[in-house]
Amino acid sequence: MGDPKLFDTIGTLYDCVTEPGLWPEALGQITELTDSVITVLAVMDMSKKTTRFSAVHGDPTVLEPLVNTYAAHVPFYSILPKFEIDVPLDFDEMCNLHGPDGRDVWHASRTYTEWMRPNRFRTGFNLAVMKRDEFVGALTTITGEETPSTSAGQALLSLLAPHIRRAVTITDLFEAEQRKAVLFQEVIDNLAHPVLIVAADMRLLYANTAAETLLRDETLVRQSEGRLAMAYLPAQASVGHAVALGRRDEVLLGAVGIGVPLVRTERPSIVHVLPLTRRHAGRLAPKAAAAIFIAAPGINPIPAIEAIAALFGLTAAEKRIAALAADGLTRSEIAEASGVSDHTVKSQLRVVYDKTGTRDQRQLQLLMRELTPPIKTGQPDERDET
């Protein structure tokens, strides 16, 4: 956590939200941290097979044929939805996810035979940074043959993963033409999504037009003595915690404050928190600590474990352990299923219970049941209206 390069990279990632031209710089920092030569980031529409957003870092001469020709021939797009969020996969893990023929399929692809092999490149890590409805976002690192990817690089990318996800998710809320706006206020004022700027104590400093409409309705969010308040108390606690963490140390944010369900419904509106202490938002709100983006409900229900992970900031490993525990597996069964020691499971469960405010496995199961769709938040006929 004390690595200044890691800290600077996280800061640059968040700066990319308001200054999209910084994405190549952020990817360059990731390239350096992971001992890679190329890093590619893309958000893709899997149904239309088109790229919604992309950024790259590396030698432009080498990248040009990849971007214009060979990226379309990567044979593993179909397995992207299977990737676990925030978990970087190395080449072997990606091939195994594809199936027994994964390695042969890759080595037979044009991307490998006509671009990777002639340039003496190796596949580094592949990381899912977005899985929302039909959109999938992924980051890929590529190394030279003489510098294969390492476990240290994978560990660093795991630390960066939730920060990359936060920056990509919020960036994706901007329309392409709105990304060109110079002033932060101009950007958020033109967003259809509600955006609220708050101080460290959740005092509301600014709301765009969409957010003002939401505040007047008071169903999801409202002002209480000048502070932002959310109807769903777990969401209020989660967002407040993210604002405080982001102000104190952006590195600590991790998975906290991304994809937080705003209400207990099958398809809730979702909140993302962007720290602003180090951003250039002074002209808009000098004491701004965070921007709170509210995304409209998606078309797919949110699984209970995803809601719990977002509300309580569980890491990918903690989410996996929580899901197994909620399914009723014993500690030894969880250890066997996860391929870790009983001691590791015990430690992770302790963290899960602490984060979720539960005392034991039974309470965790009750929490999971409470958040399992479909959830009725009022009268039975109101569920589809939320």
Protein backbone atom coordinates (compact mmCIF):
# COMPACT_ATOMS: atom_id res chain seq x y z
CA MET A 1 0.00 0.00 0.00
CA GLY A 2 2.99 2.30 0.48
CA ASP A 3 4.21 2.00 -3.15
CA PRO A 4 4.13 5.57 -4.57
CA LYS A 5 3.85 4.24 -8.13
CA LEU A 6 0.72 2.30 -7.15
CA PHE A 7 -0.73 5.38 -5.44
CA ASP A 8 0.01 7.58 -8.47
CA THR A 9 -1.53 5.04 -10.85
CA ILE A 10 -4.76 4.96 -8.87
CA GLY A 11 -4.86 8.76 -8.89
CA THR A 12 -4.36 8.84 -12.66
CA LEU A 13 -7.13 6.26 -13.16
CA TYR A 14 -9.58 8.50 -11.31
CA ASP A 15 -8.36 11.56 -13.20
CA CYS A 16 -9.31 9.72 -16.41
CA VAL A 17 -13.00 10.08 -15.55
CA THR A 18 -12.90 13.84 -16.10
CA GLU A 19 -9.89 13.86 -18.46
CA PRO A 20 -10.33 10.89 -20.85
CA GLY A 21 -7.12 11.84 -22.66
CA LEU A 22 -5.21 10.48 -19.65
CA TRP A 23 -6.21 6.86 -20.30
CA PRO A 24 -3.04 6.04 -22.28
CA GLU A 25 -0.97 7.48 -19.41
CA ALA A 26 -2.86 5.39 -16.85
CA LEU A 27 -2.40 2.27 -18.98
CA GLY A 28 1.28 3.16 -19.33
CA GLN A 29 1.62 3.17 -15.55
CA ILE A 30 -0.13 -0.21 -15.37
CA THR A 31 2.22 -1.48 -18.10
CA GLU A 32 5.23 -0.44 -16.04
CA LEU A 33 3.90 -1.88 -12.78
CA THR A 34 3.22 -5.27 -14.39
CA ASP A 35 6.49 -5.41 -16.39
CA SER A 36 4.50 -5.47 -19.62
CA VAL A 37 5.07 -3.86 -23.01
CA ILE A 38 1.43 -3.28 -24.06
CA THR A 39 -1.81 -2.76 -22.16
CA VAL A 40 -5.20 -2.70 -23.87
CA LEU A 41 -8.52 -1.67 -22.30
CA ALA A 42 -11.89 -2.04 -24.02
CA VAL A 43 -15.59 -2.02 -23.20
CA MET A 44 -17.46 -4.14 -25.73
CA ASP A 45 -21.08 -4.62 -26.70
CA MET A 46 -21.19 -8.40 -26.92
CA SER A 47 -24.56 -8.50 -28.70
CA LYS A 48 -23.45 -6.12 -31.48
CA LYS A 49 -19.79 -7.21 -31.38
CA THR A 50 -18.68 -3.58 -31.34
CA THR A 51 -16.31 -1.61 -29.11
CA ARG A 52 -18.00 1.01 -26.95
CA PHE A 53 -14.79 2.44 -25.47
CA SER A 54 -11.11 1.58 -25.82
CA ALA A 55 -7.66 2.82 -24.87
CA VAL A 56 -4.18 1.42 -25.45
CA HIS A 57 -0.57 1.94 -24.42
CA GLY A 58 2.49 0.71 -26.27
CA ASP A 59 4.57 1.21 -29.40
CA PRO A 60 2.15 2.83 -31.92
CA THR A 61 3.76 1.00 -34.83
CA VAL A 62 3.19 -2.37 -33.17
CA LEU A 63 -0.27 -1.46 -31.89
CA GLU A 64 -1.66 -0.29 -35.22
CA PRO A 65 -2.12 -3.77 -36.77
CA LEU A 66 -3.47 -5.11 -33.48
CA VAL A 67 -6.12 -2.41 -33.17
CA ASN A 68 -7.10 -2.34 -36.84
CA THR A 69 -6.81 -6.02 -37.75
CA TYR A 70 -5.88 -8.63 -35.19
CA ALA A 71 -7.99 -7.62 -32.19
CA ALA A 72 -11.03 -8.82 -34.13
CA HIS A 73 -9.45 -12.29 -34.43
CA VAL A 74 -8.87 -12.92 -30.72
CA PRO A 75 -10.65 -16.27 -30.20
CA PHE A 76 -11.52 -15.84 -26.53
CA TYR A 77 -14.22 -13.13 -26.63
CA SER A 78 -16.89 -15.73 -25.90
CA ILE A 79 -15.42 -16.51 -22.48
CA LEU A 80 -15.24 -12.88 -21.29
CA PRO A 81 -18.62 -13.12 -19.51
CA LYS A 82 -17.20 -16.06 -17.54
CA PHE A 83 -14.38 -13.97 -16.08
CA GLU A 84 -14.67 -13.18 -12.39
CA ILE A 85 -14.67 -9.44 -11.77
CA ASP A 86 -11.41 -8.04 -10.31
CA VAL A 87 -9.52 -11.34 -10.74
CA PRO A 88 -6.65 -11.18 -13.28
CA LEU A 89 -6.16 -14.45 -15.16
CA ASP A 90 -2.85 -15.58 -16.59
CA PHE A 91 -2.57 -17.34 -19.95
CA ASP A 92 -3.02 -20.87 -18.57
CA GLU A 93 -6.07 -19.88 -16.53
CA MET A 94 -7.65 -18.24 -19.58
CA CYS A 95 -7.03 -21.30 -21.73
CA ASN A 96 -8.53 -23.57 -19.07
CA LEU A 97 -11.62 -21.35 -18.91
CA HIS A 98 -12.04 -21.78 -22.67
CA GLY A 99 -11.83 -25.56 -22.43
CA PRO A 100 -9.46 -28.47 -23.13
CA ASP A 101 -8.65 -27.06 -26.56
CA GLY A 102 -8.01 -23.52 -25.33
CA ARG A 103 -4.28 -23.52 -25.91
CA ASP A 104 -4.59 -25.03 -29.40
CA VAL A 105 -7.33 -22.55 -30.35
CA TRP A 106 -5.14 -19.63 -29.29
CA HIS A 107 -2.04 -20.85 -31.07
CA ALA A 108 -4.05 -21.39 -34.27
CA SER A 109 -5.53 -17.88 -34.23
CA ARG A 110 -4.38 -15.13 -36.60
CA THR A 111 -3.77 -12.88 -33.61
CA TYR A 112 -1.10 -15.28 -32.36
CA THR A 113 0.40 -16.50 -35.64
CA GLU A 114 0.49 -13.16 -37.50
CA TRP A 115 0.97 -10.66 -34.66
CA MET A 116 2.03 -12.13 -31.31
CA ARG A 117 4.62 -14.63 -32.52
CA PRO A 118 6.35 -12.35 -35.08
CA ASN A 119 6.68 -9.63 -32.42
CA ARG A 120 7.97 -12.12 -29.83
CA PHE A 121 5.13 -11.31 -27.42
CA ARG A 122 3.49 -13.34 -24.66
CA THR A 123 -0.03 -12.99 -23.28
CA GLY A 124 0.21 -11.43 -19.84
CA PHE A 125 -2.97 -11.04 -17.79
CA ASN A 126 -6.63 -10.70 -18.69
CA LEU A 127 -8.91 -8.85 -16.30
CA ALA A 128 -12.69 -8.27 -16.41
CA VAL A 129 -13.49 -4.72 -15.29
CA MET A 130 -17.16 -4.57 -16.27
CA LYS A 131 -19.99 -7.08 -16.66
CA ARG A 132 -23.24 -5.17 -17.10
CA ASP A 133 -26.19 -6.37 -19.13
CA GLU A 134 -24.75 -6.82 -22.65
CA PHE A 135 -21.54 -4.86 -22.00
CA VAL A 136 -18.24 -6.45 -20.98
CA GLY A 137 -15.07 -4.52 -20.19
CA ALA A 138 -11.64 -6.14 -20.17
CA LEU A 139 -8.03 -5.14 -19.66
CA THR A 140 -5.21 -7.17 -21.23
CA THR A 141 -1.48 -6.91 -20.65
CA ILE A 142 1.11 -8.26 -23.08
CA THR A 143 4.75 -8.99 -22.22
CA GLY A 144 7.88 -9.70 -24.20
CA GLU A 145 9.14 -13.26 -24.58
CA GLU A 146 12.14 -12.47 -22.40
CA THR A 147 10.00 -11.02 -19.57
CA PRO A 148 7.08 -13.36 -18.86
CA SER A 149 4.36 -12.25 -16.48
CA THR A 150 4.96 -12.86 -12.79
CA SER A 151 2.92 -13.54 -9.69
CA ALA A 152 4.07 -10.18 -8.34
CA GLY A 153 2.60 -8.45 -11.39
CA GLN A 154 -0.62 -10.41 -10.96
CA ALA A 155 -0.82 -9.36 -7.30
CA LEU A 156 -0.34 -5.69 -8.24
CA LEU A 157 -3.02 -5.94 -10.91
CA SER A 158 -5.37 -7.48 -8.33
CA LEU A 159 -4.83 -4.42 -6.14
CA LEU A 160 -5.50 -2.10 -9.08
CA ALA A 161 -8.49 -4.07 -10.38
CA PRO A 162 -11.32 -2.43 -8.39
CA HIS A 163 -9.89 1.02 -9.07
CA ILE A 164 -9.75 0.30 -12.82
CA ARG A 165 -13.32 -1.00 -12.60
CA ARG A 166 -14.52 2.14 -10.82
CA ALA A 167 -12.88 4.46 -13.35
CA VAL A 168 -14.14 2.46 -16.35
CA THR A 169 -17.67 2.13 -14.95
CA ILE A 170 -18.08 5.84 -14.28
CA THR A 171 -16.37 6.81 -17.54
CA ASP A 172 -18.87 4.61 -19.38
CA LEU A 173 -21.72 6.73 -18.01
CA PHE A 174 -20.53 9.66 -20.13
CA GLU A 175 -21.78 10.02 -23.68
CA ALA A 176 -18.98 10.19 -26.26
CA GLU A 177 -19.57 13.86 -27.02
CA GLN A 178 -19.81 14.73 -23.32
CA ARG A 179 -16.36 13.27 -22.72
CA LYS A 180 -14.97 16.17 -24.76
CA ALA A 181 -16.25 18.78 -22.30
CA VAL A 182 -13.51 20.82 -20.65
CA LEU A 183 -15.15 21.61 -17.33
CA PHE A 184 -16.25 18.93 -14.89
CA GLN A 185 -19.47 20.86 -14.23
CA GLU A 186 -20.26 20.98 -17.94
CA VAL A 187 -19.86 17.22 -18.12
CA ILE A 188 -22.10 16.32 -15.21
CA ASP A 189 -24.72 18.96 -16.05
CA ASN A 190 -25.22 17.27 -19.43
CA LEU A 191 -25.42 13.75 -18.06
CA ALA A 192 -28.82 12.05 -18.03
CA HIS A 193 -27.62 10.15 -14.97
CA PRO A 194 -28.05 11.84 -11.58
CA VAL A 195 -24.75 13.10 -10.15
CA LEU A 196 -24.37 14.52 -6.65
CA ILE A 197 -21.25 16.20 -5.25
CA VAL A 198 -20.78 15.82 -1.49
CA ALA A 199 -18.36 16.97 1.18
CA ALA A 200 -16.61 14.56 3.54
CA ASP A 201 -19.56 14.70 5.96
CA MET A 202 -22.04 13.92 3.11
CA ARG A 203 -23.15 17.56 3.00
CA LEU A 204 -24.67 18.08 -0.43
CA LEU A 205 -22.68 20.64 -2.42
CA TYR A 206 -24.06 20.24 -5.91
CA ALA A 207 -26.62 18.23 -7.87
CA ASN A 208 -27.11 18.13 -11.62
CA THR A 209 -30.58 18.46 -13.13
CA ALA A 210 -31.27 14.72 -13.08
CA ALA A 211 -30.19 14.53 -9.43
CA GLU A 212 -32.38 17.49 -8.47
CA THR A 213 -35.37 15.65 -9.90
CA LEU A 214 -34.44 12.57 -7.87
CA LEU A 215 -34.07 14.64 -4.70
CA ARG A 216 -37.49 16.21 -5.16
CA ASP A 217 -39.06 12.77 -5.51
CA GLU A 218 -37.40 11.63 -2.21
CA THR A 219 -38.08 7.96 -2.98
CA LEU A 220 -34.42 6.96 -3.29
CA VAL A 221 -32.44 9.94 -2.02
CA ARG A 222 -33.23 13.17 -0.17
CA GLN A 223 -31.65 16.00 1.77
CA SER A 224 -31.70 15.84 5.54
CA GLU A 225 -30.34 18.93 7.30
CA GLY A 226 -28.30 19.71 4.20
CA ARG A 227 -26.79 16.23 3.97
CA LEU A 228 -27.43 13.53 1.41
CA ALA A 229 -29.56 10.73 2.82
CA MET A 230 -30.57 7.48 1.13
CA ALA A 231 -33.77 5.61 1.81
CA TYR A 232 -31.97 2.26 1.98
CA LEU A 233 -29.80 2.43 5.11
CA PRO A 234 -27.21 -0.19 4.01
CA ALA A 235 -26.64 1.90 0.87
CA GLN A 236 -26.25 5.04 3.01
CA ALA A 237 -23.63 3.31 5.17
CA SER A 238 -21.80 1.87 2.15
CA VAL A 239 -21.65 5.16 0.25
CA GLY A 240 -20.68 7.15 3.36
CA HIS A 241 -17.89 4.68 4.05
CA ALA A 242 -16.64 4.99 0.45
CA VAL A 243 -16.64 8.81 0.63
CA ALA A 244 -14.64 8.72 3.87
CA LEU A 245 -12.15 6.15 2.54
CA GLY A 246 -11.62 7.99 -0.72
CA ARG A 247 -10.89 11.22 1.12
CA ARG A 248 -8.44 9.55 3.50
CA ASP A 249 -6.59 7.31 1.04
CA GLU A 250 -7.79 6.37 -2.45
CA VAL A 251 -5.74 3.16 -2.35
CA LEU A 252 -7.94 1.86 0.48
CA LEU A 253 -11.13 2.21 -1.56
CA GLY A 254 -10.70 -1.10 -3.34
CA ALA A 255 -14.10 -2.61 -4.05
CA VAL A 256 -15.93 -0.24 -1.70
CA GLY A 257 -18.45 2.11 -3.31
CA ILE A 258 -18.82 0.48 -6.74
CA GLY A 259 -22.16 -0.91 -7.94
CA VAL A 260 -23.98 -0.28 -4.64
CA PRO A 261 -27.70 -1.11 -4.95
CA LEU A 262 -29.70 1.95 -3.93
CA VAL A 263 -32.82 0.08 -2.89
CA ARG A 264 -33.82 -3.47 -2.06
CA THR A 265 -35.41 -4.44 -5.33
CA GLU A 266 -34.83 -6.99 -8.04
CA ARG A 267 -33.39 -4.40 -10.45
CA PRO A 268 -32.25 -1.45 -8.35
CA SER A 269 -30.62 1.79 -9.37
CA ILE A 270 -26.88 1.56 -8.80
CA VAL A 271 -24.46 3.98 -7.11
CA HIS A 272 -20.77 4.52 -7.95
CA VAL A 273 -18.57 6.77 -5.82
CA LEU A 274 -15.71 8.73 -7.39
CA PRO A 275 -13.24 10.37 -4.95
CA LEU A 276 -12.63 14.05 -5.73
CA THR A 277 -10.13 15.18 -3.10
CA ARG A 278 -7.29 14.90 -5.63
CA ARG A 279 -9.43 15.75 -8.67
CA HIS A 280 -9.83 19.14 -10.34
CA ALA A 281 -13.34 19.94 -9.11
CA GLY A 282 -12.48 23.06 -7.12
CA ARG A 283 -14.36 25.44 -9.41
CA LEU A 284 -17.50 23.40 -8.95
CA ALA A 285 -17.32 22.75 -5.21
CA PRO A 286 -14.14 23.70 -3.27
CA LYS A 287 -14.83 21.26 -0.42
CA ALA A 288 -15.90 18.39 -2.65
CA ALA A 289 -14.89 14.96 -1.33
CA ALA A 290 -16.73 12.71 -3.80
CA ALA A 291 -19.06 12.58 -6.78
CA ILE A 292 -21.91 10.10 -6.47
CA PHE A 293 -23.14 8.75 -9.81
CA ILE A 294 -26.51 7.00 -9.93
CA ALA A 295 -27.08 4.62 -12.85
CA ALA A 296 -30.52 3.50 -13.97
CA PRO A 297 -31.60 -0.07 -13.23
CA GLY A 298 -30.16 -2.66 -15.59
CA ILE A 299 -32.18 -5.23 -17.48
CA ASN A 300 -30.86 -8.17 -15.43
CA PRO A 301 -31.57 -8.91 -11.75
CA ILE A 302 -28.63 -8.47 -9.39
CA PRO A 303 -27.68 -11.71 -7.60
CA ALA A 304 -27.73 -11.41 -3.82
CA ILE A 305 -24.01 -12.10 -3.48
CA GLU A 306 -23.23 -9.26 -5.91
CA ALA A 307 -25.44 -6.89 -3.90
CA ILE A 308 -23.74 -7.93 -0.67
CA ALA A 309 -20.27 -7.56 -2.20
CA ALA A 310 -21.11 -4.05 -3.43
CA LEU A 311 -22.82 -2.94 -0.21
CA PHE A 312 -20.04 -4.11 2.06
CA GLY A 313 -17.00 -3.81 -0.23
CA LEU A 314 -16.09 -7.51 -0.34
CA THR A 315 -13.04 -8.45 -2.38
CA ALA A 316 -13.33 -11.13 -5.05
CA ALA A 317 -11.95 -13.77 -2.65
CA GLU A 318 -14.24 -12.67 0.19
CA LYS A 319 -17.25 -12.71 -2.15
CA ARG A 320 -16.43 -16.27 -3.21
CA ILE A 321 -16.11 -17.44 0.41
CA ALA A 322 -19.32 -15.63 1.42
CA ALA A 323 -21.27 -17.28 -1.40
CA LEU A 324 -20.09 -20.75 -0.39
CA ALA A 325 -20.85 -20.09 3.28
CA ALA A 326 -24.31 -18.78 2.40
CA ASP A 327 -24.91 -22.00 0.43
CA GLY A 328 -24.43 -23.90 3.70
CA LEU A 329 -20.99 -25.42 3.12
CA THR A 330 -18.93 -26.16 6.19
CA ARG A 331 -15.56 -24.52 6.69
CA SER A 332 -13.70 -27.64 5.58
CA GLU A 333 -15.94 -27.95 2.51
CA ILE A 334 -15.30 -24.30 1.64
CA ALA A 335 -11.55 -24.87 1.99
CA GLU A 336 -11.70 -27.89 -0.33
CA ALA A 337 -13.88 -26.07 -2.91
CA SER A 338 -11.63 -23.01 -2.86
CA GLY A 339 -8.30 -24.83 -2.82
CA VAL A 340 -7.11 -23.00 0.30
CA SER A 341 -6.36 -23.98 3.89
CA ASP A 342 -8.92 -24.16 6.68
CA HIS A 343 -7.01 -21.37 8.43
CA THR A 344 -7.36 -19.11 5.37
CA VAL A 345 -11.11 -19.78 5.21
CA LYS A 346 -11.43 -19.03 8.92
CA SER A 347 -9.63 -15.70 8.48
CA GLN A 348 -11.65 -14.74 5.40
CA LEU A 349 -14.94 -15.64 7.05
CA ARG A 350 -14.00 -13.48 10.02
CA VAL A 351 -13.46 -10.54 7.67
CA VAL A 352 -16.73 -11.26 5.83
CA TYR A 353 -18.69 -11.36 9.08
CA ASP A 354 -17.03 -8.17 10.25
CA LYS A 355 -17.72 -6.30 7.00
CA THR A 356 -21.33 -7.46 6.71
CA GLY A 357 -22.16 -6.97 10.38
CA THR A 358 -23.11 -10.62 10.80
CA ARG A 359 -21.95 -12.83 13.66
CA ASP A 360 -21.98 -16.24 12.06
CA GLN A 361 -22.90 -18.32 9.05
CA ARG A 362 -26.60 -18.38 9.93
CA GLN A 363 -26.82 -14.59 9.98
CA LEU A 364 -24.94 -14.40 6.69
CA GLN A 365 -27.47 -16.82 5.18
CA LEU A 366 -30.34 -14.64 6.46
CA LEU A 367 -28.72 -11.58 4.90
CA MET A 368 -28.33 -13.42 1.61
CA ARG A 369 -31.98 -14.49 1.74
CA GLU A 370 -33.07 -10.92 2.43
CA LEU A 371 -31.29 -9.66 -0.68
CA THR A 372 -32.22 -12.53 -2.99
CA PRO A 373 -34.41 -11.41 -5.94
CA PRO A 374 -37.28 -11.03 -6.34
CA ILE A 375 -37.65 -8.87 -3.23
CA LYS A 376 -40.86 -7.14 -2.32
CA THR A 377 -40.26 -3.67 -0.97
CA GLY A 378 -43.89 -2.74 -0.47
CA GLN A 379 -47.20 -4.03 -1.74
CA PRO A 380 -46.91 -7.04 -4.07
CA ASP A 381 -47.99 -4.97 -7.08
CA GLU A 382 -45.31 -2.36 -6.45
CA ARG A 383 -42.33 -4.57 -7.11
CA ASP A 384 -42.20 -4.08 -10.86
CA GLU A 385 -42.53 -0.31 -10.51
CA THR A 386 -39.31 0.24 -8.51
